[in-house]
N, C-alpha and C. Protein backbone atom coordinates (compact mmCIF):
# COMPACT_ATOMS: atom_id res chain seq x y z
N ILE A 1 -43.89 27.84 8.27
CA ILE A 1 -42.90 26.66 9.00
C ILE A 1 -42.95 25.65 8.38
N ALA A 2 -43.95 25.12 7.53
CA ALA A 2 -43.62 24.06 7.03
C ALA A 2 -42.94 24.42 5.52
N GLU A 3 -42.61 25.36 5.08
CA GLU A 3 -41.36 25.64 4.07
C GLU A 3 -40.46 25.50 4.57
N GLU A 4 -40.26 25.89 5.76
CA GLU A 4 -38.78 25.93 6.42
C GLU A 4 -38.55 24.38 6.96
N GLN A 5 -39.20 23.51 7.43
CA GLN A 5 -39.42 21.97 7.40
C GLN A 5 -38.53 21.84 6.36
N ARG A 6 -39.65 21.94 4.95
CA ARG A 6 -39.35 21.47 4.22
C ARG A 6 -37.79 21.56 3.06
N MET A 7 -37.32 22.89 3.94
CA MET A 7 -36.25 22.97 3.55
C MET A 7 -34.97 22.30 4.10
N ALA A 8 -35.69 22.53 5.54
CA ALA A 8 -34.52 21.93 6.41
C ALA A 8 -34.74 20.48 5.65
N SER A 9 -35.69 19.34 5.52
CA SER A 9 -35.40 18.48 5.00
C SER A 9 -34.59 17.86 3.72
N VAL A 10 -34.95 18.98 2.68
CA VAL A 10 -33.90 19.22 1.37
C VAL A 10 -32.43 19.04 1.73
N LEU A 11 -31.92 19.84 2.85
CA LEU A 11 -30.83 19.95 2.85
C LEU A 11 -30.06 18.87 4.07
N PHE A 12 -30.99 18.31 4.59
CA PHE A 12 -30.33 17.12 5.47
C PHE A 12 -30.17 16.15 4.52
N ASN A 13 -31.16 15.61 3.64
CA ASN A 13 -31.13 14.57 2.39
C ASN A 13 -30.00 15.25 1.61
N GLU A 14 -30.05 16.12 1.16
CA GLU A 14 -28.62 16.65 0.39
C GLU A 14 -27.20 15.81 1.09
N THR A 15 -27.14 16.80 2.64
CA THR A 15 -25.90 16.26 2.96
C THR A 15 -25.72 14.74 3.54
N GLN A 16 -27.10 14.14 3.14
CA GLN A 16 -27.10 12.54 3.78
C GLN A 16 -26.55 12.23 2.56
N VAL A 17 -26.81 12.57 1.26
CA VAL A 17 -26.42 11.86 0.06
C VAL A 17 -24.86 12.50 -0.37
N ALA A 18 -24.42 13.56 0.25
CA ALA A 18 -22.99 14.04 0.29
C ALA A 18 -22.24 12.94 1.16
N LYS A 19 -22.47 12.91 2.08
CA LYS A 19 -22.19 11.95 3.32
C LYS A 19 -21.70 10.77 2.46
N ALA A 20 -23.04 9.99 2.05
CA ALA A 20 -22.94 8.80 1.64
C ALA A 20 -21.81 8.63 -0.05
N ARG A 21 -21.96 9.76 -0.25
CA ARG A 21 -20.66 9.98 -1.42
C ARG A 21 -19.79 9.53 -1.45
N ARG A 22 -18.94 10.54 -0.06
CA ARG A 22 -17.79 11.12 0.18
C ARG A 22 -17.18 9.44 0.61
N ASP A 23 -18.51 8.69 1.43
CA ASP A 23 -18.10 7.48 2.05
C ASP A 23 -17.36 6.62 0.89
N PHE A 24 -18.64 6.49 -0.02
CA PHE A 24 -18.18 5.45 -1.19
C PHE A 24 -17.05 5.98 -1.88
N GLU A 25 -16.63 7.15 -2.16
CA GLU A 25 -15.45 7.56 -2.62
C GLU A 25 -14.06 7.39 -2.13
N LEU A 26 -14.10 7.30 -0.50
CA LEU A 26 -13.48 7.20 -0.03
C LEU A 26 -12.79 5.27 0.74
N LYS A 27 -13.99 4.63 0.34
CA LYS A 27 -13.85 3.16 0.24
C LYS A 27 -13.34 2.86 -1.07
N LYS A 28 -13.94 3.37 -2.24
CA LYS A 28 -13.65 3.16 -3.43
C LYS A 28 -11.70 3.20 -3.49
N ALA A 29 -11.58 4.20 -3.27
CA ALA A 29 -9.94 4.97 -3.33
C ALA A 29 -9.07 3.67 -2.41
N SER A 30 -9.82 3.52 -1.14
CA SER A 30 -9.04 2.47 -0.07
C SER A 30 -8.90 1.09 -0.99
N TYR A 31 -10.35 0.31 -1.52
CA TYR A 31 -10.20 -0.53 -2.04
C TYR A 31 -9.30 -0.41 -3.72
N ASP A 32 -8.62 0.56 -3.95
CA ASP A 32 -8.03 0.50 -5.31
C ASP A 32 -6.84 0.75 -4.93
N VAL A 33 -6.55 1.24 -3.66
CA VAL A 33 -5.06 1.30 -3.10
C VAL A 33 -4.84 -0.50 -3.18
N GLU A 34 -5.71 -1.20 -2.09
CA GLU A 34 -5.80 -2.39 -1.80
C GLU A 34 -4.91 -3.52 -3.03
N ILE A 35 -6.25 -3.34 -4.07
CA ILE A 35 -5.70 -4.30 -5.15
C ILE A 35 -4.89 -3.67 -6.12
N GLU A 36 -4.46 -2.36 -5.86
CA GLU A 36 -2.74 -2.04 -7.08
C GLU A 36 -2.05 -2.93 -5.63
N THR A 37 -2.09 -2.83 -4.94
CA THR A 37 -1.09 -3.51 -3.82
C THR A 37 -0.88 -4.84 -3.79
N GLN A 38 -2.24 -5.66 -4.12
CA GLN A 38 -2.40 -6.69 -4.29
C GLN A 38 -1.17 -7.25 -5.86
N ARG A 39 -1.84 -6.43 -6.79
CA ARG A 39 -1.22 -6.49 -8.25
C ARG A 39 0.25 -6.68 -8.05
N ALA A 40 0.71 -5.60 -6.68
CA ALA A 40 2.15 -5.31 -7.54
C ALA A 40 2.85 -6.52 -6.68
N THR A 41 2.23 -7.23 -5.88
CA THR A 41 2.86 -8.27 -4.61
C THR A 41 2.99 -9.19 -5.57
N ALA A 42 2.00 -9.49 -6.27
CA ALA A 42 1.92 -10.99 -7.26
C ALA A 42 3.34 -10.66 -8.01
N GLU A 43 3.14 -9.24 -9.08
CA GLU A 43 4.65 -9.27 -9.86
C GLU A 43 5.51 -9.65 -9.64
N LEU A 44 5.80 -8.66 -8.08
CA LEU A 44 7.01 -8.73 -7.90
C LEU A 44 7.57 -10.16 -7.41
N ALA A 45 6.12 -11.11 -6.94
CA ALA A 45 6.69 -12.82 -6.41
C ALA A 45 6.85 -13.74 -7.57
N TYR A 46 6.11 -13.17 -9.12
CA TYR A 46 6.78 -13.88 -10.47
C TYR A 46 8.09 -13.40 -10.75
N ASP A 47 8.59 -11.68 -11.02
CA ASP A 47 9.94 -11.30 -10.66
C ASP A 47 10.32 -12.42 -10.25
N LEU A 48 10.67 -12.04 -8.61
CA LEU A 48 11.65 -13.19 -7.92
C LEU A 48 11.50 -14.69 -8.13
N GLN A 49 10.12 -15.12 -8.84
CA GLN A 49 10.61 -16.41 -9.20
C GLN A 49 11.48 -16.43 -10.16
N ALA A 50 11.11 -15.64 -11.09
CA ALA A 50 11.70 -16.16 -12.64
C ALA A 50 13.50 -15.69 -11.79
N ALA A 51 13.65 -14.62 -11.35
CA ALA A 51 15.18 -14.37 -11.22
C ALA A 51 15.59 -15.65 -10.17
N LYS A 52 14.82 -16.09 -9.54
CA LYS A 52 15.33 -17.64 -8.71
C LYS A 52 16.03 -18.94 -9.81
N THR A 53 14.84 -18.90 -10.50
CA THR A 53 15.03 -20.06 -11.87
C THR A 53 15.92 -19.56 -12.60
N LYS A 54 15.99 -18.55 -12.90
CA LYS A 54 17.73 -18.27 -13.96
C LYS A 54 18.55 -18.08 -13.25
N GLN A 55 18.66 -17.89 -12.05
CA GLN A 55 20.01 -18.04 -11.25
C GLN A 55 20.46 -19.64 -10.91
N ARG A 56 18.83 -20.72 -10.74
CA ARG A 56 19.52 -22.23 -10.40
C ARG A 56 19.50 -22.63 -11.83
N ILE A 57 19.31 -22.41 -12.95
CA ILE A 57 20.07 -22.55 -14.49
C ILE A 57 21.36 -22.07 -14.25
N GLN A 58 21.72 -20.55 -14.02
CA GLN A 58 23.45 -20.69 -14.27
C GLN A 58 23.90 -21.45 -13.02
N GLU A 59 23.54 -21.46 -12.28
CA GLU A 59 24.58 -22.53 -11.21
C GLU A 59 24.55 -23.87 -12.24
N GLU A 60 23.26 -24.44 -11.89
CA GLU A 60 23.42 -25.81 -12.98
C GLU A 60 24.26 -25.17 -13.72
N GLN A 61 24.24 -24.25 -14.79
CA GLN A 61 25.38 -24.73 -16.38
C GLN A 61 27.08 -24.76 -15.52
N MET A 62 27.03 -24.14 -14.49
CA MET A 62 28.28 -23.83 -14.01
C MET A 62 28.82 -25.36 -13.62
N GLN A 63 27.80 -26.05 -13.06
CA GLN A 63 27.82 -27.34 -12.36
C GLN A 63 28.60 -28.70 -13.32
N VAL A 64 27.65 -28.12 -14.60
CA VAL A 64 27.40 -29.25 -15.74
C VAL A 64 29.44 -28.85 -16.27
N LYS A 65 29.76 -27.51 -16.30
CA LYS A 65 30.47 -27.57 -17.26
C LYS A 65 32.32 -27.66 -16.08
N VAL A 66 31.92 -27.91 -14.31
CA VAL A 66 32.68 -27.95 -13.53
C VAL A 66 33.03 -30.04 -13.61
N ILE A 67 31.86 -29.98 -14.10
CA ILE A 67 31.89 -31.81 -13.93
C ILE A 67 32.58 -32.54 -15.43
N GLU A 68 32.02 -31.25 -16.32
CA GLU A 68 32.76 -31.91 -17.74
C GLU A 68 34.56 -31.58 -17.39
N ARG A 69 34.88 -30.71 -17.18
CA ARG A 69 36.66 -30.57 -16.90
C ARG A 69 37.05 -31.85 -16.30
N SER A 70 36.00 -31.88 -14.96
CA SER A 70 36.69 -33.67 -13.79
C SER A 70 36.66 -34.67 -14.81
N GLN A 71 35.81 -34.61 -15.89
CA GLN A 71 35.73 -36.06 -16.66
C GLN A 71 36.63 -35.87 -17.67
N ALA A 72 37.50 -34.82 -18.36
CA ALA A 72 38.45 -34.22 -19.37
C ALA A 72 39.57 -34.59 -18.69
N ILE A 73 40.02 -34.43 -17.12
CA ILE A 73 40.81 -34.52 -16.60
C ILE A 73 40.97 -36.43 -16.15
N ALA A 74 39.87 -36.65 -15.92
CA ALA A 74 39.82 -38.11 -15.91
C ALA A 74 40.36 -38.94 -16.85
N LEU A 75 39.65 -38.40 -17.92
CA LEU A 75 40.12 -39.36 -19.49
C LEU A 75 41.60 -38.90 -19.77
N GLN A 76 42.04 -37.82 -19.55
CA GLN A 76 43.40 -37.61 -19.61
C GLN A 76 44.47 -38.54 -18.44
N LYS A 77 43.78 -39.04 -17.34
CA LYS A 77 44.76 -39.81 -16.84
C LYS A 77 44.71 -41.14 -17.04
N GLN A 78 43.82 -40.95 -17.66
CA GLN A 78 43.47 -42.43 -18.14
C GLN A 78 44.46 -43.02 -19.29
N GLU A 79 44.29 -42.06 -20.13
CA GLU A 79 45.44 -41.78 -21.28
C GLU A 79 46.81 -42.02 -21.02
N VAL A 80 47.09 -41.23 -20.19
CA VAL A 80 48.28 -41.42 -19.67
C VAL A 80 48.64 -42.20 -19.47
N GLN A 81 48.03 -43.32 -18.50
CA GLN A 81 48.21 -44.62 -18.19
C GLN A 81 48.46 -45.38 -18.88
N ARG A 82 47.43 -45.36 -19.84
CA ARG A 82 47.39 -46.44 -21.44
C ARG A 82 48.75 -46.10 -22.02
N ARG A 83 49.25 -45.14 -22.09
CA ARG A 83 50.56 -44.33 -22.31
C ARG A 83 51.96 -45.40 -21.81
N LEU A 84 51.48 -44.95 -20.58
CA LEU A 84 52.89 -45.82 -19.48
C LEU A 84 52.88 -47.34 -19.62
N GLN A 85 51.71 -47.84 -19.96
CA GLN A 85 51.68 -49.18 -20.34
C GLN A 85 51.98 -49.96 -21.34
N GLU A 86 52.03 -49.14 -22.33
CA GLU A 86 52.56 -49.35 -23.90
C GLU A 86 53.84 -49.19 -23.97
N LEU A 87 54.68 -47.74 -23.25
CA LEU A 87 55.96 -47.79 -23.51
C LEU A 87 56.56 -49.26 -22.58
N ASP A 88 55.91 -49.48 -21.48
CA ASP A 88 56.15 -50.85 -20.45
C ASP A 88 56.44 -51.92 -21.27
N ALA A 89 55.68 -52.06 -21.93
CA ALA A 89 55.71 -52.99 -23.23
C ALA A 89 56.22 -53.49 -24.59
N THR A 90 56.99 -52.20 -24.93
CA THR A 90 57.43 -51.86 -25.92
C THR A 90 58.69 -51.56 -26.10
N VAL A 91 59.24 -50.94 -24.77
CA VAL A 91 60.76 -51.01 -24.64
C VAL A 91 61.58 -52.26 -24.40
N SER A 92 62.41 -52.54 -24.78
CA SER A 92 63.32 -53.74 -24.57
C SER A 92 64.04 -53.99 -24.00
N ARG A 93 65.16 -53.42 -23.62
CA ARG A 93 65.85 -53.08 -22.61
C ARG A 93 65.58 -52.83 -20.96
N PRO A 94 66.01 -53.64 -20.02
CA PRO A 94 65.13 -53.37 -18.81
C PRO A 94 65.65 -51.83 -18.67
N ALA A 95 67.01 -51.71 -18.19
CA ALA A 95 67.77 -50.17 -17.72
C ALA A 95 66.65 -48.90 -18.74
N GLU A 96 66.83 -49.49 -20.15
CA GLU A 96 66.27 -48.20 -20.88
C GLU A 96 64.39 -47.92 -20.43
N ALA A 97 63.99 -49.11 -20.63
CA ALA A 97 62.62 -49.21 -19.58
C ALA A 97 62.59 -48.45 -18.62
N GLU A 98 63.34 -48.90 -17.93
CA GLU A 98 63.34 -48.36 -16.44
C GLU A 98 63.54 -46.90 -16.40
N LYS A 99 64.27 -46.52 -16.76
CA LYS A 99 64.77 -44.94 -17.08
C LYS A 99 63.54 -44.26 -17.78
N TYR A 100 63.09 -44.54 -18.83
CA TYR A 100 62.19 -44.09 -19.70
C TYR A 100 60.61 -43.98 -18.97
N ARG A 101 60.46 -45.03 -17.96
CA ARG A 101 59.25 -45.51 -17.34
C ARG A 101 59.43 -44.52 -16.27
N LEU A 102 60.47 -43.93 -15.98
CA LEU A 102 60.45 -43.43 -14.35
C LEU A 102 60.45 -41.91 -15.20
N GLU A 103 61.43 -41.45 -16.54
CA GLU A 103 60.77 -39.93 -16.53
C GLU A 103 59.13 -40.25 -16.94
N THR A 104 58.53 -40.52 -17.61
CA THR A 104 57.11 -40.98 -18.36
C THR A 104 56.52 -40.74 -17.21
N ILE A 105 56.67 -41.42 -15.72
CA ILE A 105 56.24 -41.31 -14.23
C ILE A 105 55.97 -39.66 -14.10
N ALA A 106 57.28 -39.30 -14.18
CA ALA A 106 57.68 -38.06 -13.83
C ALA A 106 56.65 -37.53 -14.94
N GLU A 107 56.69 -37.09 -15.80
CA GLU A 107 55.90 -35.95 -16.58
C GLU A 107 54.91 -36.31 -16.81
N ALA A 108 54.18 -37.43 -16.19
CA ALA A 108 52.62 -37.65 -16.28
C ALA A 108 52.38 -37.13 -14.96
N ASN A 109 52.94 -37.46 -13.90
CA ASN A 109 52.97 -36.50 -12.83
C ASN A 109 52.75 -35.04 -12.89
N ARG A 110 53.72 -34.48 -13.24
CA ARG A 110 54.10 -32.97 -13.75
C ARG A 110 52.67 -32.52 -14.14
N LYS A 111 52.55 -32.78 -15.59
CA LYS A 111 51.16 -33.09 -16.23
C LYS A 111 50.10 -33.26 -15.44
N ARG A 112 49.84 -34.27 -14.43
CA ARG A 112 48.75 -34.57 -13.48
C ARG A 112 48.32 -33.23 -12.79
N VAL A 113 49.74 -32.28 -12.12
CA VAL A 113 49.91 -31.81 -10.66
C VAL A 113 49.54 -30.54 -11.82
N VAL A 114 50.03 -29.97 -12.89
CA VAL A 114 49.50 -28.79 -13.76
C VAL A 114 47.81 -29.25 -14.02
N LEU A 115 47.71 -30.09 -14.66
CA LEU A 115 45.96 -30.25 -14.58
C LEU A 115 44.93 -30.14 -13.85
N GLU A 116 45.51 -30.62 -12.69
CA GLU A 116 44.67 -30.50 -11.48
C GLU A 116 44.47 -29.04 -11.02
N ALA A 117 45.57 -28.69 -11.04
CA ALA A 117 45.95 -27.01 -10.52
C ALA A 117 45.01 -26.69 -11.53
N GLU A 118 45.46 -26.49 -12.50
CA GLU A 118 44.56 -25.71 -13.62
C GLU A 118 42.59 -25.99 -13.39
N ALA A 119 42.60 -27.00 -12.85
CA ALA A 119 41.03 -27.51 -13.30
C ALA A 119 40.57 -27.11 -12.00
N GLU A 120 41.09 -27.07 -10.81
CA GLU A 120 41.21 -26.42 -9.13
C GLU A 120 40.83 -24.96 -9.40
N ALA A 121 41.41 -24.22 -10.55
CA ALA A 121 41.62 -22.64 -10.63
C ALA A 121 40.39 -22.69 -11.52
N GLU A 122 40.25 -23.56 -12.19
CA GLU A 122 38.99 -23.20 -12.95
C GLU A 122 37.38 -23.74 -12.23
N ALA A 123 37.66 -24.60 -11.56
CA ALA A 123 36.49 -25.32 -10.88
C ALA A 123 36.34 -23.79 -9.87
N LEU A 124 37.62 -23.26 -9.01
CA LEU A 124 36.88 -21.90 -8.24
C LEU A 124 36.54 -20.48 -9.15
N ARG A 125 37.17 -20.30 -10.23
CA ARG A 125 36.94 -19.56 -10.79
C ARG A 125 34.83 -19.36 -11.04
N LEU A 126 35.05 -20.49 -11.64
CA LEU A 126 33.29 -20.92 -12.23
C LEU A 126 32.28 -20.72 -10.43
N ARG A 127 33.10 -21.35 -10.13
CA ARG A 127 32.26 -21.26 -8.12
C ARG A 127 31.80 -19.64 -8.10
N GLY A 128 32.90 -18.80 -8.32
CA GLY A 128 33.07 -17.30 -8.04
C GLY A 128 32.30 -16.84 -8.76
N GLU A 129 32.31 -17.30 -10.07
CA GLU A 129 30.79 -16.40 -11.39
C GLU A 129 29.77 -16.68 -10.56
N ALA A 130 29.81 -18.66 -10.28
CA ALA A 130 28.08 -19.22 -10.27
C ALA A 130 27.86 -18.04 -8.76
N LYS A 131 28.62 -17.72 -7.87
CA LYS A 131 28.34 -17.29 -6.37
C LYS A 131 28.17 -15.51 -7.13
N ALA A 132 29.23 -14.98 -7.61
CA ALA A 132 28.59 -13.72 -8.00
C ALA A 132 27.50 -13.48 -8.68
N PHE A 133 27.05 -14.35 -9.60
CA PHE A 133 25.65 -13.89 -10.29
C PHE A 133 24.67 -14.25 -9.79
N SER A 134 24.83 -15.40 -8.59
CA SER A 134 23.61 -15.62 -7.57
C SER A 134 23.53 -14.27 -7.02
N ILE A 135 24.32 -13.93 -6.27
CA ILE A 135 23.93 -12.58 -5.66
C ILE A 135 23.76 -11.18 -6.25
N GLU A 136 24.28 -11.24 -7.53
CA GLU A 136 24.29 -9.84 -8.17
C GLU A 136 21.89 -9.90 -8.52
N ALA A 137 21.75 -11.26 -9.02
CA ALA A 137 20.04 -11.53 -9.26
C ALA A 137 19.35 -11.44 -8.11
N LYS A 138 20.28 -12.10 -7.04
CA LYS A 138 19.38 -11.71 -5.64
C LYS A 138 18.88 -10.43 -5.52
N ALA A 139 20.26 -9.66 -5.39
CA ALA A 139 20.22 -8.22 -5.29
C ALA A 139 19.24 -7.50 -6.18
N LYS A 140 19.52 -7.57 -7.37
CA LYS A 140 18.59 -6.92 -7.92
C LYS A 140 17.18 -7.14 -8.13
N ALA A 141 16.90 -8.64 -7.75
CA ALA A 141 15.40 -9.14 -7.77
C ALA A 141 14.73 -8.46 -6.35
N GLU A 142 15.77 -8.13 -5.38
CA GLU A 142 15.58 -7.13 -4.22
C GLU A 142 15.35 -6.09 -4.03
N ALA A 143 16.14 -5.58 -5.40
CA ALA A 143 15.78 -4.25 -5.43
C ALA A 143 14.88 -3.72 -5.91
N GLU A 144 14.68 -4.36 -6.94
CA GLU A 144 13.17 -4.32 -7.23
C GLU A 144 11.68 -4.71 -6.72
N GLN A 145 12.04 -5.32 -5.72
CA GLN A 145 10.99 -5.86 -5.17
C GLN A 145 10.74 -4.52 -4.11
N MET A 146 11.98 -3.82 -3.78
CA MET A 146 11.68 -2.73 -2.62
C MET A 146 11.46 -1.87 -3.50
N ALA A 147 11.97 -1.92 -4.84
CA ALA A 147 11.45 -0.46 -5.53
C ALA A 147 9.60 -0.78 -5.98
N LYS A 148 9.02 -1.41 -6.26
CA LYS A 148 7.73 -1.36 -6.36
C LYS A 148 6.97 -1.81 -5.26
N LYS A 149 7.73 -2.08 -3.96
CA LYS A 149 7.16 -1.71 -2.37
C LYS A 149 6.82 -0.39 -2.63
N ALA A 150 7.79 0.56 -2.52
CA ALA A 150 8.18 2.14 -2.88
C ALA A 150 6.80 2.56 -3.24
N ASP A 151 6.60 1.69 -4.70
CA ASP A 151 5.87 3.05 -5.74
C ASP A 151 3.97 2.54 -4.96
N ALA A 152 4.48 1.23 -4.61
CA ALA A 152 2.89 0.44 -3.98
C ALA A 152 2.81 1.55 -2.50
N TRP A 153 3.43 1.89 -1.95
CA TRP A 153 3.23 2.61 -0.59
C TRP A 153 2.95 4.44 -1.07
N LYS A 154 3.78 4.79 -2.28
CA LYS A 154 3.45 6.30 -2.86
C LYS A 154 1.70 6.00 -3.17
N GLU A 155 1.93 5.10 -4.13
CA GLU A 155 -0.12 5.29 -4.86
C GLU A 155 -0.35 5.05 -3.26
N TYR A 156 -0.71 4.52 -2.43
CA TYR A 156 -1.54 4.25 -1.09
C TYR A 156 -1.40 5.56 -0.31
N LYS A 157 0.00 6.11 -0.41
CA LYS A 157 -0.42 7.46 1.06
C LYS A 157 -0.96 9.00 -0.19
N ARG A 158 -0.75 8.20 -1.76
CA ARG A 158 -1.47 9.61 -2.40
C ARG A 158 -2.96 9.28 -2.06
N ALA A 159 -3.39 7.74 -2.39
CA ALA A 159 -4.83 8.01 -2.14
C ALA A 159 -5.30 8.31 -0.40
């Protein structure tokens, strides 16, 4: 009877140790999954912020190009005005001066219209490119984030 009790006690202790070991391993696996999930989330947050920063830089660069183009057009308009004034001052005969002035104004207006149309087309193109880049960068970041979440979930389910 004492031997049976000793054996029962030994078996009971071994069972308790095995249960404790199993519980420890399960908790450890659960904590490992949680740690990996947090790490993946942190990496995704960094990647997303980097993509947003890159996108913002691209948008700012496009805005700079639009502003530079607008300033170039304004400078060209001022040059046309200067030329018009110069012509008005140098042409001696009033009839020729008037004719010349009207032709110059018409040409300047034509150039202005062409330049404004070109500038507007360029601005629209640049805005379109900026928007396309923005959408592409956002989509890539979201796709990458979803892929990493999926990987994290696979790891979680495997554990």
